[in-house]
C-alpha cells in the first residue's frame, strides 16, 4: 500500500511550480538583455579609456607648463642679475677709470720714461663719457709735447739741428704747455740755436783762415753746451784743440796770463790747457810747459 503525500505539500508544490513558470523571461529577452549589458560595458570601457587618455594629456600639458614656468623663472632671475650688473657696472667702471688715471699720473710725475708708453695707453683708455676724460686729454697733450721735446734734445745732441729746432717750434705752436714749461722750451730752443750758430760761425771762420775768430766761436760752443756727449760740443772741442795746438806757444802765454787773474780767468785757463793737452802729442815741444801750467 503506497504512502499517501500530504495534501498541503501537493498544493504548495503546485503553486511554486506555477509561480516560477510565470516569472522566468523568455530566452530572446535574456539574450537582448545580455547584449545591452555588453554594449553598456563596452561603452563604459571606451569612456574609461578616453578618460585615461585625457588624464595623460592633462599630465603632459601640466609638465610642459611646469617646464615653461621654470624657464620663465630662470629668465626672470637672469634678467634681475643683468639689471643689477647694469646698475653696478657704472660704479665699477668709474673706479677702474680712476685707477688707470692715477697710475698714469704716477708714471708721468715720477718721470718713469720707460713706462711712458703704458701711461699713454692708460690715458687713452679713459672713455669719452668719463668725468676724467678732459683731464686725461690734457695729460695726453702734455705727454705728446714732452716726448717731442725729448726727441728734439736727442736730435740736437746727435747733430741734427734743423730737426731739433723744428720739433721745438712745433711744441710751442701746440699751446698745450703751461707758462713755465713753455718758457723752458723757448729757452732751450734759443740755446740750441746759439750753439748751432756759434759752431757754424767757427767752421766758416776756420775755412776763411780767421783762426782767432774761429777759436772764440768754438769756445763759445763749449761755454754754452756742457754735455760732453753732444755732437756740436765734441766737434767744437776737437776743432778748438787743433787750433790751440797750431798756436800752442801763444796759447800757453795766454794761459799763463789768465792763471794770474780771477777765479773765472783761472777756470778758463784750466779748460784751455785741458784742450791743449788733448791735442798735443807726448813728443810736442810745448807739452811739458802745458803740463806744468795745468798742475799749478
Protein backbone atom coordinates (compact mmCIF):
# COMPACT_ATOMS: atom_id res chain seq x y z
CA UNK A 1 0.00 0.00 0.00
CA UNK A 2 1.62 3.30 -1.11
CA UNK A 3 2.19 6.05 1.36
CA UNK A 4 -0.04 8.98 0.94
CA UNK A 5 1.52 12.50 0.38
CA UNK A 6 0.02 15.15 2.49
CA UNK A 7 -2.29 17.37 0.55
CA UNK A 8 -0.71 20.55 1.78
CA UNK A 9 2.59 19.58 0.26
CA UNK A 10 1.00 18.80 -3.05
CA UNK A 11 -0.73 22.15 -3.14
CA UNK A 12 2.45 24.03 -2.21
CA UNK A 13 4.50 22.30 -4.87
CA UNK A 14 1.88 23.05 -7.48
CA UNK A 15 1.73 26.74 -6.60
CA UNK A 16 5.51 27.08 -6.56
CA UNK A 17 5.89 25.48 -9.97
CA UNK A 18 3.23 27.70 -11.37
CA UNK A 19 4.93 30.85 -9.93
CA UNK A 20 8.35 30.07 -11.39
CA UNK A 21 6.77 29.39 -14.67
CA UNK A 22 5.13 32.81 -14.62
CA UNK A 23 8.42 34.86 -13.51
CA UNK A 24 11.07 33.37 -15.91
CA UNK A 25 11.58 35.66 -19.01
CA UNK A 26 11.78 34.13 -22.41
CA UNK A 27 15.20 33.27 -23.91
CA UNK A 28 15.09 36.09 -26.50
CA UNK A 29 14.60 38.63 -23.77
CA UNK A 30 17.55 37.28 -21.88
CA UNK A 31 19.74 37.45 -24.95
CA UNK A 32 18.73 41.07 -25.59
CA UNK A 33 19.43 41.96 -22.02
CA UNK A 34 22.84 40.38 -22.22
CA UNK A 35 23.56 42.23 -25.46
CA UNK A 36 22.50 45.52 -23.86
CA UNK A 37 24.64 44.94 -20.84
CA UNK A 38 27.59 44.01 -23.05
CA UNK A 39 27.14 47.23 -25.03
CA UNK A 40 26.98 49.21 -21.84
CA UNK A 41 30.16 47.52 -20.60
CA UNK A 42 31.91 48.30 -23.90
CA UNK A 43 30.73 51.89 -23.68
CA UNK A 44 31.98 52.18 -20.14
CA UNK A 45 35.35 50.68 -21.16
CA UNK A 46 35.66 53.14 -24.04
CA UNK A 47 34.73 56.04 -21.82
CA UNK A 48 37.28 54.88 -19.26
CA UNK A 49 39.94 54.69 -21.99
CA UNK A 50 39.07 58.21 -23.15
CA UNK A 51 39.28 59.44 -19.56
CA UNK A 52 42.67 57.81 -19.15
CA UNK A 53 43.92 59.42 -22.38
CA UNK A 54 42.55 62.79 -21.24
CA UNK A 55 44.29 62.42 -17.90
CA UNK A 56 47.55 61.52 -19.65
CA UNK A 57 47.20 64.54 -21.95
CA UNK A 58 46.47 66.77 -18.98
CA UNK A 59 49.53 65.48 -17.17
CA UNK A 60 51.66 66.14 -20.25
CA UNK A 61 50.25 69.67 -20.51
CA UNK A 62 50.94 70.26 -16.82
CA UNK A 63 54.52 69.01 -17.21
CA UNK A 64 55.02 71.30 -20.22
CA UNK A 65 53.52 74.20 -18.32
CA UNK A 66 55.83 73.48 -15.38
CA UNK A 67 58.84 73.45 -17.70
CA UNK A 68 57.76 76.76 -19.19
CA UNK A 69 57.29 78.21 -15.72
CA UNK A 70 60.78 77.02 -14.76
CA UNK A 71 62.23 78.59 -17.91
CA UNK A 72 60.41 81.84 -17.20
CA UNK A 73 61.68 81.78 -13.61
CA UNK A 74 65.27 81.27 -14.82
CA UNK A 75 64.86 84.01 -17.42
CA UNK A 76 63.49 86.36 -14.79
CA UNK A 77 66.40 85.56 -12.47
CA UNK A 78 68.87 86.24 -15.30
CA UNK A 79 67.11 89.49 -16.11
CA UNK A 80 67.35 90.57 -12.50
CA UNK A 81 71.05 89.67 -12.47
CA UNK A 82 71.63 91.73 -15.61
CA UNK A 83 69.76 94.68 -14.14
CA UNK A 84 71.91 94.52 -11.02
CA UNK A 85 75.03 94.23 -13.14
CA UNK A 86 73.97 97.25 -15.20
CA UNK A 87 73.30 99.20 -12.03
CA UNK A 88 76.66 98.23 -10.54
CA UNK A 89 78.66 98.48 -13.79
CA UNK A 90 78.97 102.30 -13.93
CA UNK A 91 80.32 102.40 -10.40
CA UNK A 92 82.83 99.63 -11.07
CA UNK A 93 83.88 101.25 -14.33
CA UNK A 94 84.30 104.63 -12.63
CA UNK A 95 86.57 103.03 -10.03
CA UNK A 96 88.60 101.29 -12.75
CA UNK A 97 88.91 104.54 -14.73
CA UNK A 98 90.19 106.40 -11.68
CA UNK A 99 92.76 103.68 -11.01
CA UNK A 100 94.04 103.86 -14.59
CA UNK A 101 94.18 107.64 -14.44
CA UNK A 102 96.05 107.69 -11.12
CA UNK A 103 98.57 105.12 -12.36
CA UNK A 104 99.26 107.22 -15.46
CA UNK A 105 99.74 110.32 -13.31
CA UNK A 106 102.21 108.46 -11.07
CA UNK A 107 104.22 107.43 -14.12
CA UNK A 108 104.35 110.96 -15.52
CA UNK A 109 105.08 112.69 -12.21
CA UNK A 110 107.82 110.17 -11.46
CA UNK A 111 109.37 110.74 -14.91
CA UNK A 112 109.42 106.97 -15.44
CA UNK A 113 110.39 107.29 -19.09
CA UNK A 114 110.40 103.58 -19.81
CA UNK A 115 106.72 103.46 -18.78
CA UNK A 116 105.58 106.46 -20.84
CA UNK A 117 104.00 104.19 -23.49
CA UNK A 118 101.95 102.49 -20.77
CA UNK A 119 100.89 105.88 -19.39
CA UNK A 120 99.76 106.85 -22.87
CA UNK A 121 97.69 103.66 -23.18
CA UNK A 122 96.13 104.17 -19.75
CA UNK A 123 95.08 107.73 -20.53
CA UNK A 124 93.78 106.82 -23.97
CA UNK A 125 91.60 104.10 -22.41
CA UNK A 126 89.53 106.64 -20.46
CA UNK A 127 86.17 106.73 -22.35
CA UNK A 128 84.75 109.89 -23.85
CA UNK A 129 81.82 109.99 -21.40
CA UNK A 130 84.05 109.75 -18.32
CA UNK A 131 84.39 112.76 -16.00
CA UNK A 132 88.15 112.16 -16.18
CA UNK A 133 88.31 112.35 -19.97
CA UNK A 134 89.11 116.07 -20.12
CA UNK A 135 91.98 115.70 -17.65
CA UNK A 136 93.20 112.61 -19.50
CA UNK A 137 93.24 114.52 -22.79
CA UNK A 138 95.21 117.35 -21.18
CA UNK A 139 97.78 114.87 -19.88
CA UNK A 140 97.96 113.16 -23.26
CA UNK A 141 98.66 116.52 -24.89
CA UNK A 142 101.33 117.28 -22.28
CA UNK A 143 102.85 113.82 -22.76
CA UNK A 144 102.98 114.35 -26.52
CA UNK A 145 104.72 117.68 -26.05
CA UNK A 146 107.18 116.20 -23.56
CA UNK A 147 108.05 113.37 -25.95
CA UNK A 148 108.60 115.89 -28.75
CA UNK A 149 110.93 117.92 -26.55
CA UNK A 150 112.89 114.79 -25.68
CA UNK A 151 113.08 113.83 -29.35
CA UNK A 152 114.30 117.35 -30.13
CA UNK A 153 117.01 117.04 -27.46
CA UNK A 154 118.17 113.73 -28.91
CA UNK A 155 118.24 115.13 -32.45
CA UNK A 156 120.23 118.15 -31.24
CA UNK A 157 122.73 116.00 -29.32
CA UNK A 158 123.21 113.91 -32.46
CA UNK A 159 123.90 117.00 -34.57
CA UNK A 160 120.54 117.17 -36.38
CA UNK A 161 119.96 120.83 -35.63
CA UNK A 162 117.20 121.57 -38.15
CA UNK A 163 115.11 118.63 -36.92
CA UNK A 164 115.59 119.61 -33.28
CA UNK A 165 114.65 123.27 -33.80
CA UNK A 166 111.62 122.34 -35.90
CA UNK A 167 110.37 119.98 -33.17
CA UNK A 168 110.65 122.67 -30.50
CA UNK A 169 108.85 125.17 -32.74
CA UNK A 170 106.02 122.67 -33.13
CA UNK A 171 105.74 122.22 -29.36
CA UNK A 172 105.49 125.99 -28.89
CA UNK A 173 102.73 126.17 -31.52
CA UNK A 174 100.66 123.44 -29.83
CA UNK A 175 99.79 125.66 -26.90
CA UNK A 176 99.36 122.73 -24.51
CA UNK A 177 102.09 123.73 -22.03
CA UNK A 178 101.76 126.00 -19.06
CA UNK A 179 103.64 129.31 -18.88
CA UNK A 180 106.68 127.90 -17.07
CA UNK A 181 107.01 124.85 -19.30
CA UNK A 182 106.52 126.99 -22.39
CA UNK A 183 109.27 129.37 -21.24
CA UNK A 184 111.55 126.40 -20.62
CA UNK A 185 111.03 125.18 -24.20
CA UNK A 186 111.64 128.67 -25.55
CA UNK A 187 114.92 128.99 -23.61
CA UNK A 188 116.01 125.55 -24.77
CA UNK A 189 115.28 126.41 -28.40
CA UNK A 190 117.25 129.64 -28.10
CA UNK A 191 120.22 127.85 -26.54
CA UNK A 192 120.19 125.22 -29.29
CA UNK A 193 120.12 127.96 -31.90
CA UNK A 194 123.00 129.89 -30.27
CA UNK A 195 125.17 126.77 -30.09
CA UNK A 196 124.49 125.91 -33.73
CA UNK A 197 125.17 129.47 -34.87
CA UNK A 198 128.43 129.63 -32.92
CA UNK A 199 129.56 126.27 -34.25
CA UNK A 200 128.76 127.15 -37.86
CA UNK A 201 130.46 130.54 -37.42
CA UNK A 202 133.57 128.80 -36.11
CA UNK A 203 133.71 126.46 -39.09
CA UNK A 204 133.23 129.32 -41.54
CA UNK A 205 135.93 131.45 -39.90
CA UNK A 206 138.27 128.49 -39.83
CA UNK A 207 137.75 127.96 -43.57
CA UNK A 208 138.46 131.63 -44.15
CA UNK A 209 141.66 131.47 -42.11
CA UNK A 210 140.28 133.65 -39.31
CA UNK A 211 141.72 131.35 -36.67
CA UNK A 212 141.37 133.71 -33.72
CA UNK A 213 137.72 134.29 -34.53
CA UNK A 214 137.23 130.53 -35.02
CA UNK A 215 138.79 129.83 -31.63
CA UNK A 216 136.41 132.26 -29.95
CA UNK A 217 133.40 130.76 -31.75
CA UNK A 218 134.33 127.22 -30.73
CA UNK A 219 135.00 128.38 -27.18
CA UNK A 220 131.50 129.89 -27.15
CA UNK A 221 130.08 126.49 -28.14
CA UNK A 222 131.88 124.86 -25.21
CA UNK A 223 130.63 127.54 -22.82
CA UNK A 224 127.00 127.17 -23.96
CA UNK A 225 126.84 123.38 -24.26
CA UNK A 226 128.19 121.41 -21.29
CA UNK A 227 127.01 117.95 -22.36
CA UNK A 228 130.12 116.01 -23.29
CA UNK A 229 128.08 113.64 -25.48
CA UNK A 230 126.69 116.45 -27.62
CA UNK A 231 127.87 116.35 -31.23
CA UNK A 232 128.38 120.11 -31.52
CA UNK A 233 130.44 120.23 -28.33
CA UNK A 234 132.57 117.25 -29.33
CA UNK A 235 133.27 118.64 -32.79
CA UNK A 236 133.91 122.15 -31.45
CA UNK A 237 136.25 120.78 -28.80
CA UNK A 238 138.20 118.80 -31.36
CA UNK A 239 138.45 121.76 -33.76
CA UNK A 240 139.48 124.10 -30.96
CA UNK A 241 142.11 121.67 -29.71
CA UNK A 242 143.62 121.55 -33.20
CA UNK A 243 143.65 125.34 -33.43
CA UNK A 244 145.23 125.61 -30.00
CA UNK A 245 147.89 123.07 -30.87
CA UNK A 246 148.73 125.01 -34.01
CA UNK A 247 149.37 128.10 -31.91
CA UNK A 248 150.46 126.35 -28.73
CA UNK A 249 153.18 128.85 -27.83
CA UNK A 250 150.84 131.82 -27.96
CA UNK A 251 148.12 129.84 -26.20
CA UNK A 252 150.44 128.92 -23.35
CA UNK A 253 151.38 132.55 -22.91
CA UNK A 254 147.70 133.46 -22.72
CA UNK A 255 147.01 130.69 -20.20
CA UNK A 256 149.90 131.83 -18.03
CA UNK A 257 148.42 135.33 -18.02
CA UNK A 258 144.94 134.04 -17.21
CA UNK A 259 146.29 131.90 -14.38
CA UNK A 260 147.32 135.07 -12.56
CA UNK A 261 143.84 136.55 -12.82
CA UNK A 262 140.47 135.98 -11.17
CA UNK A 263 138.90 132.63 -10.40
CA UNK A 264 136.97 132.84 -13.63
CA UNK A 265 140.16 133.53 -15.58
CA UNK A 266 141.90 130.60 -13.91
CA UNK A 267 138.98 128.32 -14.80
CA UNK A 268 139.24 129.41 -18.44
CA UNK A 269 142.98 128.76 -18.36
CA UNK A 270 142.48 125.23 -16.99
CA UNK A 271 139.88 124.41 -19.60
CA UNK A 272 142.11 125.72 -22.39
CA UNK A 273 145.05 123.75 -21.07
CA UNK A 274 142.97 120.58 -20.93
CA UNK A 275 142.06 121.09 -24.59
CA UNK A 276 145.66 121.76 -25.50
CA UNK A 277 146.94 118.66 -23.68
CA UNK A 278 144.34 116.56 -25.51
CA UNK A 279 145.66 117.87 -28.82
CA UNK A 280 149.43 117.88 -28.16
CA UNK A 281 151.26 114.58 -28.71
CA UNK A 282 153.67 113.44 -25.97
CA UNK A 283 156.70 114.49 -28.03
CA UNK A 284 155.49 118.02 -28.76
CA UNK A 285 157.99 120.64 -27.54
CA UNK A 286 155.27 122.63 -25.71
CA UNK A 287 153.69 119.70 -23.87
CA UNK A 288 155.93 119.89 -20.82
CA UNK A 289 155.12 123.55 -20.31
CA UNK A 290 151.40 122.87 -20.77
CA UNK A 291 151.54 120.12 -18.15
CA UNK A 292 153.37 122.37 -15.75
CA UNK A 293 150.85 125.18 -16.10
CA UNK A 294 147.98 122.67 -15.72
CA UNK A 295 149.50 121.36 -12.48
CA UNK A 296 149.67 124.79 -10.85
